[in-house]
Amino acid sequence: MRDRRWFRRGSLLLGWAVVLAGGAAFAADTYPEGCVSCHTNRQGEADFRLSNLLSQIGHPSVKRVKMVPRDCTRCHSTDPADGEPVFSQIIHEIHFDVPKINLYVTRFGGDCRNCHEMNVEEGEAQVKDGAKNW
């Protein structure tokens, strides 16, 4: 009888430990709109909005962009046949280049879930979209 109580208590404690450890998986999404949730103008920090960062590197105007990153693929083709890198390659190179000093890796952990969400019905990762913030 004593062994059964220990087993039940142990099972209950193990169950709670699994729930608490896995709680991060059920936490609210910190970056629900992907790019625009992260690329903001935070007080006391640099202006990380995409419009600002892109203008610094001489990128053409992004005024026509409404949804990010969906509208970016208008110019950054997803077809490698045209000779341009596909958009996903560009973004992954930017965010993971030189990981020891890359802000996305050092500050945000390079977590794929910041930009992607899982479509459980189809079993595929999808890119999060958000309305521009500039």
N, C-alpha and C. Protein backbone atom coordinates (compact mmCIF):
# COMPACT_ATOMS: atom_id res chain seq x y z
N MET A 1 0.83 -1.19 0.00
CA MET A 1 0.00 0.00 0.00
C MET A 1 0.87 1.26 0.00
N ARG A 2 1.90 1.21 0.80
CA ARG A 2 2.80 2.35 0.90
C ARG A 2 3.48 2.63 -0.43
N ASP A 3 3.85 1.56 -1.18
CA ASP A 3 4.50 1.72 -2.48
C ASP A 3 3.58 2.40 -3.48
N ARG A 4 2.29 2.12 -3.42
CA ARG A 4 1.34 2.73 -4.35
C ARG A 4 1.22 4.23 -4.10
N ARG A 5 1.19 4.63 -2.82
CA ARG A 5 1.11 6.07 -2.52
C ARG A 5 2.36 6.79 -3.02
N TRP A 6 3.50 6.19 -2.82
CA TRP A 6 4.75 6.78 -3.30
C TRP A 6 4.71 6.91 -4.82
N PHE A 7 4.23 5.84 -5.49
CA PHE A 7 4.15 5.85 -6.95
C PHE A 7 3.18 6.94 -7.41
N ARG A 8 2.04 7.08 -6.78
CA ARG A 8 1.07 8.11 -7.16
C ARG A 8 1.63 9.51 -6.92
N ARG A 9 2.24 9.72 -5.78
CA ARG A 9 2.83 11.03 -5.49
C ARG A 9 3.97 11.33 -6.46
N GLY A 10 4.80 10.34 -6.73
CA GLY A 10 5.90 10.53 -7.67
C GLY A 10 5.39 10.84 -9.06
N SER A 11 4.35 10.14 -9.48
CA SER A 11 3.76 10.39 -10.80
C SER A 11 3.18 11.79 -10.88
N LEU A 12 2.52 12.21 -9.82
CA LEU A 12 1.94 13.55 -9.78
C LEU A 12 3.04 14.62 -9.83
N LEU A 13 4.09 14.44 -9.06
CA LEU A 13 5.20 15.38 -9.08
C LEU A 13 5.89 15.40 -10.44
N LEU A 14 6.07 14.25 -11.06
CA LEU A 14 6.68 14.18 -12.37
C LEU A 14 5.80 14.88 -13.40
N GLY A 15 4.51 14.68 -13.31
CA GLY A 15 3.57 15.35 -14.22
C GLY A 15 3.67 16.86 -14.11
N TRP A 16 3.70 17.37 -12.88
CA TRP A 16 3.81 18.83 -12.69
C TRP A 16 5.15 19.34 -13.19
N ALA A 17 6.20 18.57 -12.98
CA ALA A 17 7.52 19.00 -13.47
C ALA A 17 7.52 19.11 -14.99
N VAL A 18 6.88 18.16 -15.66
CA VAL A 18 6.81 18.20 -17.12
C VAL A 18 6.00 19.41 -17.57
N VAL A 19 4.88 19.67 -16.90
CA VAL A 19 4.04 20.82 -17.25
C VAL A 19 4.80 22.12 -17.05
N LEU A 20 5.47 22.26 -15.91
CA LEU A 20 6.21 23.49 -15.63
C LEU A 20 7.40 23.67 -16.56
N ALA A 21 8.11 22.60 -16.85
CA ALA A 21 9.25 22.69 -17.76
C ALA A 21 8.80 23.00 -19.18
N GLY A 22 7.68 22.48 -19.57
CA GLY A 22 7.17 22.72 -20.91
C GLY A 22 6.34 23.97 -21.01
N GLY A 23 6.20 24.70 -19.94
CA GLY A 23 5.38 25.91 -19.92
C GLY A 23 5.82 26.93 -20.94
N ALA A 24 7.11 26.98 -21.25
CA ALA A 24 7.61 27.94 -22.23
C ALA A 24 6.99 27.70 -23.59
N ALA A 25 6.67 26.44 -23.88
CA ALA A 25 6.08 26.13 -25.17
C ALA A 25 4.67 26.68 -25.29
N PHE A 26 4.02 26.93 -24.14
CA PHE A 26 2.65 27.42 -24.14
C PHE A 26 2.58 28.91 -23.78
N ALA A 27 3.72 29.55 -23.63
CA ALA A 27 3.75 30.97 -23.28
C ALA A 27 3.27 31.81 -24.45
N ALA A 28 2.85 33.03 -24.13
CA ALA A 28 2.40 33.95 -25.18
C ALA A 28 3.54 34.22 -26.16
N ASP A 29 3.19 34.39 -27.40
CA ASP A 29 4.18 34.65 -28.46
C ASP A 29 4.71 36.07 -28.29
N THR A 30 5.99 36.21 -28.04
CA THR A 30 6.62 37.52 -27.85
C THR A 30 6.72 38.29 -29.15
N TYR A 31 6.78 37.59 -30.27
CA TYR A 31 6.92 38.21 -31.58
C TYR A 31 5.81 37.71 -32.52
N PRO A 32 4.55 38.04 -32.24
CA PRO A 32 3.44 37.50 -33.03
C PRO A 32 3.42 37.97 -34.48
N GLU A 33 4.05 39.09 -34.76
CA GLU A 33 4.08 39.61 -36.13
C GLU A 33 5.48 39.51 -36.75
N GLY A 34 6.29 38.61 -36.21
CA GLY A 34 7.61 38.36 -36.77
C GLY A 34 8.48 39.59 -36.85
N CYS A 35 8.86 39.97 -38.07
CA CYS A 35 9.81 41.07 -38.31
C CYS A 35 9.41 42.35 -37.58
N VAL A 36 8.17 42.79 -37.74
CA VAL A 36 7.78 44.08 -37.19
C VAL A 36 7.62 44.04 -35.67
N SER A 37 7.46 42.87 -35.08
CA SER A 37 7.42 42.76 -33.62
C SER A 37 8.79 42.98 -33.02
N CYS A 38 9.81 42.64 -33.76
CA CYS A 38 11.19 42.77 -33.29
C CYS A 38 11.82 44.09 -33.75
N HIS A 39 11.59 44.45 -34.99
CA HIS A 39 12.19 45.65 -35.57
C HIS A 39 11.32 46.87 -35.24
N THR A 40 11.58 47.42 -34.04
CA THR A 40 10.80 48.56 -33.55
C THR A 40 11.74 49.70 -33.20
N ASN A 41 11.16 50.82 -32.82
CA ASN A 41 11.92 51.97 -32.35
C ASN A 41 11.73 52.03 -30.84
N ARG A 42 12.62 51.38 -30.11
CA ARG A 42 12.53 51.34 -28.65
C ARG A 42 13.22 52.56 -28.07
N GLN A 43 12.58 53.18 -27.10
CA GLN A 43 13.19 54.36 -26.46
C GLN A 43 14.51 53.98 -25.82
N GLY A 44 15.49 54.84 -26.01
CA GLY A 44 16.80 54.61 -25.41
C GLY A 44 17.68 53.66 -26.20
N GLU A 45 17.18 53.16 -27.31
CA GLU A 45 17.96 52.25 -28.14
C GLU A 45 17.95 52.77 -29.58
N ALA A 46 18.69 52.10 -30.42
CA ALA A 46 18.70 52.46 -31.84
C ALA A 46 17.34 52.18 -32.45
N ASP A 47 17.05 52.89 -33.53
CA ASP A 47 15.81 52.69 -34.28
C ASP A 47 15.99 51.46 -35.17
N PHE A 48 15.38 50.35 -34.79
CA PHE A 48 15.54 49.10 -35.52
C PHE A 48 14.40 48.84 -36.51
N ARG A 49 13.55 49.86 -36.76
CA ARG A 49 12.50 49.65 -37.75
C ARG A 49 13.15 49.39 -39.10
N LEU A 50 12.53 48.51 -39.87
CA LEU A 50 13.10 48.11 -41.15
C LEU A 50 13.29 49.27 -42.10
N SER A 51 12.37 50.22 -42.11
CA SER A 51 12.51 51.37 -43.00
C SER A 51 13.80 52.13 -42.69
N ASN A 52 14.13 52.27 -41.42
CA ASN A 52 15.35 52.96 -41.01
C ASN A 52 16.60 52.15 -41.39
N LEU A 53 16.60 50.87 -41.06
CA LEU A 53 17.77 50.03 -41.35
C LEU A 53 18.02 49.94 -42.85
N LEU A 54 16.96 49.79 -43.63
CA LEU A 54 17.12 49.67 -45.08
C LEU A 54 17.61 50.98 -45.70
N SER A 55 17.15 52.11 -45.19
CA SER A 55 17.63 53.39 -45.74
C SER A 55 19.12 53.58 -45.46
N GLN A 56 19.60 53.04 -44.35
CA GLN A 56 21.03 53.15 -44.00
C GLN A 56 21.92 52.41 -44.99
N ILE A 57 21.39 51.40 -45.65
CA ILE A 57 22.21 50.64 -46.60
C ILE A 57 21.88 51.01 -48.05
N GLY A 58 21.10 52.08 -48.23
CA GLY A 58 20.80 52.55 -49.58
C GLY A 58 19.71 51.78 -50.30
N HIS A 59 18.88 51.07 -49.58
CA HIS A 59 17.77 50.32 -50.17
C HIS A 59 16.74 51.29 -50.72
N PRO A 60 16.13 50.99 -51.86
CA PRO A 60 15.06 51.86 -52.38
C PRO A 60 13.92 52.00 -51.38
N SER A 61 13.09 53.00 -51.58
CA SER A 61 11.96 53.29 -50.68
C SER A 61 11.08 52.06 -50.47
N VAL A 62 10.60 51.91 -49.25
CA VAL A 62 9.71 50.81 -48.91
C VAL A 62 8.31 51.34 -48.53
N LYS A 63 7.97 52.52 -49.04
CA LYS A 63 6.68 53.13 -48.71
C LYS A 63 5.50 52.28 -49.16
N ARG A 64 5.64 51.55 -50.28
CA ARG A 64 4.53 50.74 -50.80
C ARG A 64 4.31 49.45 -50.01
N VAL A 65 5.26 49.09 -49.19
CA VAL A 65 5.14 47.86 -48.41
C VAL A 65 4.05 48.05 -47.35
N LYS A 66 3.15 47.09 -47.27
CA LYS A 66 2.08 47.11 -46.26
C LYS A 66 2.26 45.99 -45.23
N MET A 67 2.60 44.80 -45.72
CA MET A 67 2.79 43.64 -44.85
C MET A 67 4.22 43.13 -44.98
N VAL A 68 4.85 42.90 -43.83
CA VAL A 68 6.24 42.47 -43.79
C VAL A 68 6.29 41.06 -43.20
N PRO A 69 6.99 40.14 -43.83
CA PRO A 69 7.83 40.24 -45.01
C PRO A 69 7.11 39.91 -46.32
N ARG A 70 5.82 39.61 -46.29
CA ARG A 70 5.11 39.19 -47.50
C ARG A 70 5.36 40.12 -48.69
N ASP A 71 5.21 41.43 -48.49
CA ASP A 71 5.37 42.38 -49.60
C ASP A 71 6.82 42.50 -50.07
N CYS A 72 7.76 42.11 -49.26
CA CYS A 72 9.17 42.18 -49.66
C CYS A 72 9.46 41.24 -50.83
N THR A 73 8.66 40.19 -50.95
CA THR A 73 8.90 39.22 -52.02
C THR A 73 8.44 39.73 -53.39
N ARG A 74 7.82 40.90 -53.43
CA ARG A 74 7.49 41.50 -54.73
C ARG A 74 8.77 41.75 -55.52
N CYS A 75 9.78 42.27 -54.83
CA CYS A 75 11.05 42.57 -55.48
C CYS A 75 12.09 41.47 -55.25
N HIS A 76 12.07 40.91 -54.08
CA HIS A 76 13.03 39.85 -53.73
C HIS A 76 12.37 38.53 -54.08
N SER A 77 12.49 38.17 -55.35
CA SER A 77 11.81 37.01 -55.91
C SER A 77 12.11 35.74 -55.13
N THR A 78 11.12 34.88 -55.08
CA THR A 78 11.31 33.55 -54.49
C THR A 78 11.71 32.54 -55.55
N ASP A 79 11.93 33.02 -56.79
CA ASP A 79 12.30 32.15 -57.89
C ASP A 79 13.80 32.28 -58.17
N PRO A 80 14.58 31.26 -57.85
CA PRO A 80 16.02 31.36 -58.08
C PRO A 80 16.40 31.39 -59.56
N ALA A 81 15.45 31.14 -60.43
CA ALA A 81 15.74 31.14 -61.87
C ALA A 81 16.10 32.54 -62.39
N ASP A 82 15.72 33.60 -61.64
CA ASP A 82 16.01 34.95 -62.12
C ASP A 82 17.40 35.44 -61.72
N GLY A 83 18.16 34.60 -61.03
CA GLY A 83 19.53 34.95 -60.69
C GLY A 83 19.69 35.68 -59.37
N GLU A 84 18.60 36.11 -58.78
CA GLU A 84 18.67 36.78 -57.47
C GLU A 84 18.55 35.75 -56.36
N PRO A 85 19.18 36.00 -55.23
CA PRO A 85 19.00 35.08 -54.10
C PRO A 85 17.53 35.10 -53.66
N VAL A 86 17.03 33.98 -53.25
CA VAL A 86 15.66 33.95 -52.75
C VAL A 86 15.59 34.70 -51.42
N PHE A 87 14.43 35.26 -51.13
CA PHE A 87 14.25 36.11 -49.95
C PHE A 87 14.66 35.39 -48.66
N SER A 88 14.28 34.14 -48.53
CA SER A 88 14.62 33.41 -47.30
C SER A 88 16.14 33.30 -47.12
N GLN A 89 16.88 33.14 -48.21
CA GLN A 89 18.34 33.07 -48.11
C GLN A 89 18.90 34.41 -47.62
N ILE A 90 18.38 35.50 -48.17
CA ILE A 90 18.84 36.83 -47.77
C ILE A 90 18.63 37.03 -46.27
N ILE A 91 17.42 36.76 -45.81
CA ILE A 91 17.06 36.99 -44.40
C ILE A 91 17.88 36.09 -43.47
N HIS A 92 18.02 34.82 -43.81
CA HIS A 92 18.80 33.92 -42.95
C HIS A 92 20.26 34.34 -42.91
N GLU A 93 20.82 34.77 -44.02
CA GLU A 93 22.22 35.23 -44.03
C GLU A 93 22.39 36.45 -43.14
N ILE A 94 21.46 37.40 -43.23
CA ILE A 94 21.53 38.62 -42.41
C ILE A 94 21.45 38.29 -40.93
N HIS A 95 20.52 37.42 -40.56
CA HIS A 95 20.27 37.16 -39.14
C HIS A 95 21.23 36.16 -38.50
N PHE A 96 21.94 35.39 -39.30
CA PHE A 96 22.85 34.40 -38.72
C PHE A 96 24.31 34.59 -39.11
N ASP A 97 24.63 35.65 -39.85
CA ASP A 97 26.00 35.94 -40.23
C ASP A 97 26.81 36.33 -38.99
N VAL A 98 27.99 35.80 -38.85
CA VAL A 98 28.91 36.08 -37.74
C VAL A 98 28.16 35.97 -36.39
N PRO A 99 27.75 34.76 -36.03
CA PRO A 99 26.91 34.57 -34.84
C PRO A 99 27.48 35.10 -33.53
N LYS A 100 28.80 35.17 -33.40
CA LYS A 100 29.39 35.63 -32.13
C LYS A 100 29.07 37.09 -31.85
N ILE A 101 28.82 37.89 -32.90
CA ILE A 101 28.52 39.30 -32.69
C ILE A 101 27.17 39.72 -33.27
N ASN A 102 26.46 38.78 -33.86
CA ASN A 102 25.18 39.09 -34.48
C ASN A 102 24.13 39.30 -33.40
N LEU A 103 23.50 40.46 -33.40
CA LEU A 103 22.51 40.82 -32.38
C LEU A 103 21.35 39.84 -32.34
N TYR A 104 20.92 39.34 -33.49
CA TYR A 104 19.80 38.39 -33.50
C TYR A 104 20.16 37.12 -32.73
N VAL A 105 21.40 36.70 -32.84
CA VAL A 105 21.83 35.49 -32.14
C VAL A 105 22.16 35.80 -30.68
N THR A 106 22.94 36.86 -30.44
CA THR A 106 23.40 37.14 -29.09
C THR A 106 22.30 37.65 -28.16
N ARG A 107 21.39 38.46 -28.68
CA ARG A 107 20.35 39.04 -27.84
C ARG A 107 19.03 38.27 -27.88
N PHE A 108 18.70 37.72 -29.04
CA PHE A 108 17.40 37.05 -29.21
C PHE A 108 17.53 35.54 -29.34
N GLY A 109 18.74 35.02 -29.18
CA GLY A 109 18.94 33.58 -29.16
C GLY A 109 18.81 32.89 -30.51
N GLY A 110 18.64 33.66 -31.59
CA GLY A 110 18.51 33.05 -32.91
C GLY A 110 17.35 32.07 -32.99
N ASP A 111 16.31 32.31 -32.22
CA ASP A 111 15.18 31.39 -32.13
C ASP A 111 14.30 31.47 -33.37
N CYS A 112 14.14 30.36 -34.05
CA CYS A 112 13.34 30.30 -35.28
C CYS A 112 11.89 30.74 -35.04
N ARG A 113 11.39 30.52 -33.82
CA ARG A 113 9.99 30.85 -33.52
C ARG A 113 9.74 32.36 -33.47
N ASN A 114 10.79 33.16 -33.48
CA ASN A 114 10.59 34.61 -33.54
C ASN A 114 10.01 35.01 -34.89
N CYS A 115 10.37 34.30 -35.93
CA CYS A 115 9.94 34.63 -37.30
C CYS A 115 8.97 33.61 -37.88
N HIS A 116 9.01 32.40 -37.36
CA HIS A 116 8.21 31.31 -37.92
C HIS A 116 7.22 30.78 -36.89
N GLU A 117 6.08 30.29 -37.40
CA GLU A 117 5.13 29.58 -36.55
C GLU A 117 4.83 28.24 -37.21
N MET A 118 4.40 27.30 -36.41
CA MET A 118 4.13 25.97 -36.95
C MET A 118 2.66 25.82 -37.27
N ASN A 119 2.38 25.40 -38.48
CA ASN A 119 1.02 25.05 -38.87
C ASN A 119 0.87 23.58 -38.54
N VAL A 120 0.21 23.28 -37.42
CA VAL A 120 0.13 21.90 -36.95
C VAL A 120 -0.73 21.03 -37.86
N GLU A 121 -1.68 21.63 -38.55
CA GLU A 121 -2.52 20.85 -39.45
C GLU A 121 -1.74 20.33 -40.65
N GLU A 122 -0.85 21.17 -41.17
CA GLU A 122 -0.06 20.77 -42.33
C GLU A 122 1.33 20.27 -41.95
N GLY A 123 1.72 20.48 -40.69
CA GLY A 123 3.03 20.05 -40.24
C GLY A 123 4.17 20.82 -40.86
N GLU A 124 3.93 22.10 -41.17
CA GLU A 124 4.95 22.92 -41.81
C GLU A 124 5.12 24.24 -41.07
N ALA A 125 6.35 24.73 -41.11
CA ALA A 125 6.63 26.05 -40.54
C ALA A 125 6.20 27.11 -41.55
N GLN A 126 5.64 28.20 -41.05
CA GLN A 126 5.23 29.31 -41.89
C GLN A 126 5.87 30.58 -41.37
N VAL A 127 6.05 31.53 -42.25
CA VAL A 127 6.63 32.81 -41.88
C VAL A 127 5.52 33.70 -41.32
N LYS A 128 5.80 34.35 -40.19
CA LYS A 128 4.83 35.28 -39.60
C LYS A 128 4.83 36.57 -40.41
N ASP A 129 3.68 37.19 -40.52
CA ASP A 129 3.51 38.44 -41.23
C ASP A 129 2.99 39.50 -40.26
N GLY A 130 3.31 40.76 -40.54
CA GLY A 130 2.80 41.84 -39.72
C GLY A 130 2.70 43.11 -40.52
N ALA A 131 1.78 43.98 -40.12
CA ALA A 131 1.64 45.27 -40.77
C ALA A 131 2.87 46.13 -40.49
N LYS A 132 3.30 46.88 -41.51
CA LYS A 132 4.49 47.71 -41.34
C LYS A 132 4.33 48.65 -40.14
N ASN A 133 5.44 49.03 -39.54
CA ASN A 133 5.40 49.89 -38.34
C ASN A 133 6.17 51.20 -38.56
N TRP A 134 6.10 51.71 -39.76
CA TRP A 134 6.73 53.00 -40.07
C TRP A 134 5.80 53.87 -40.85
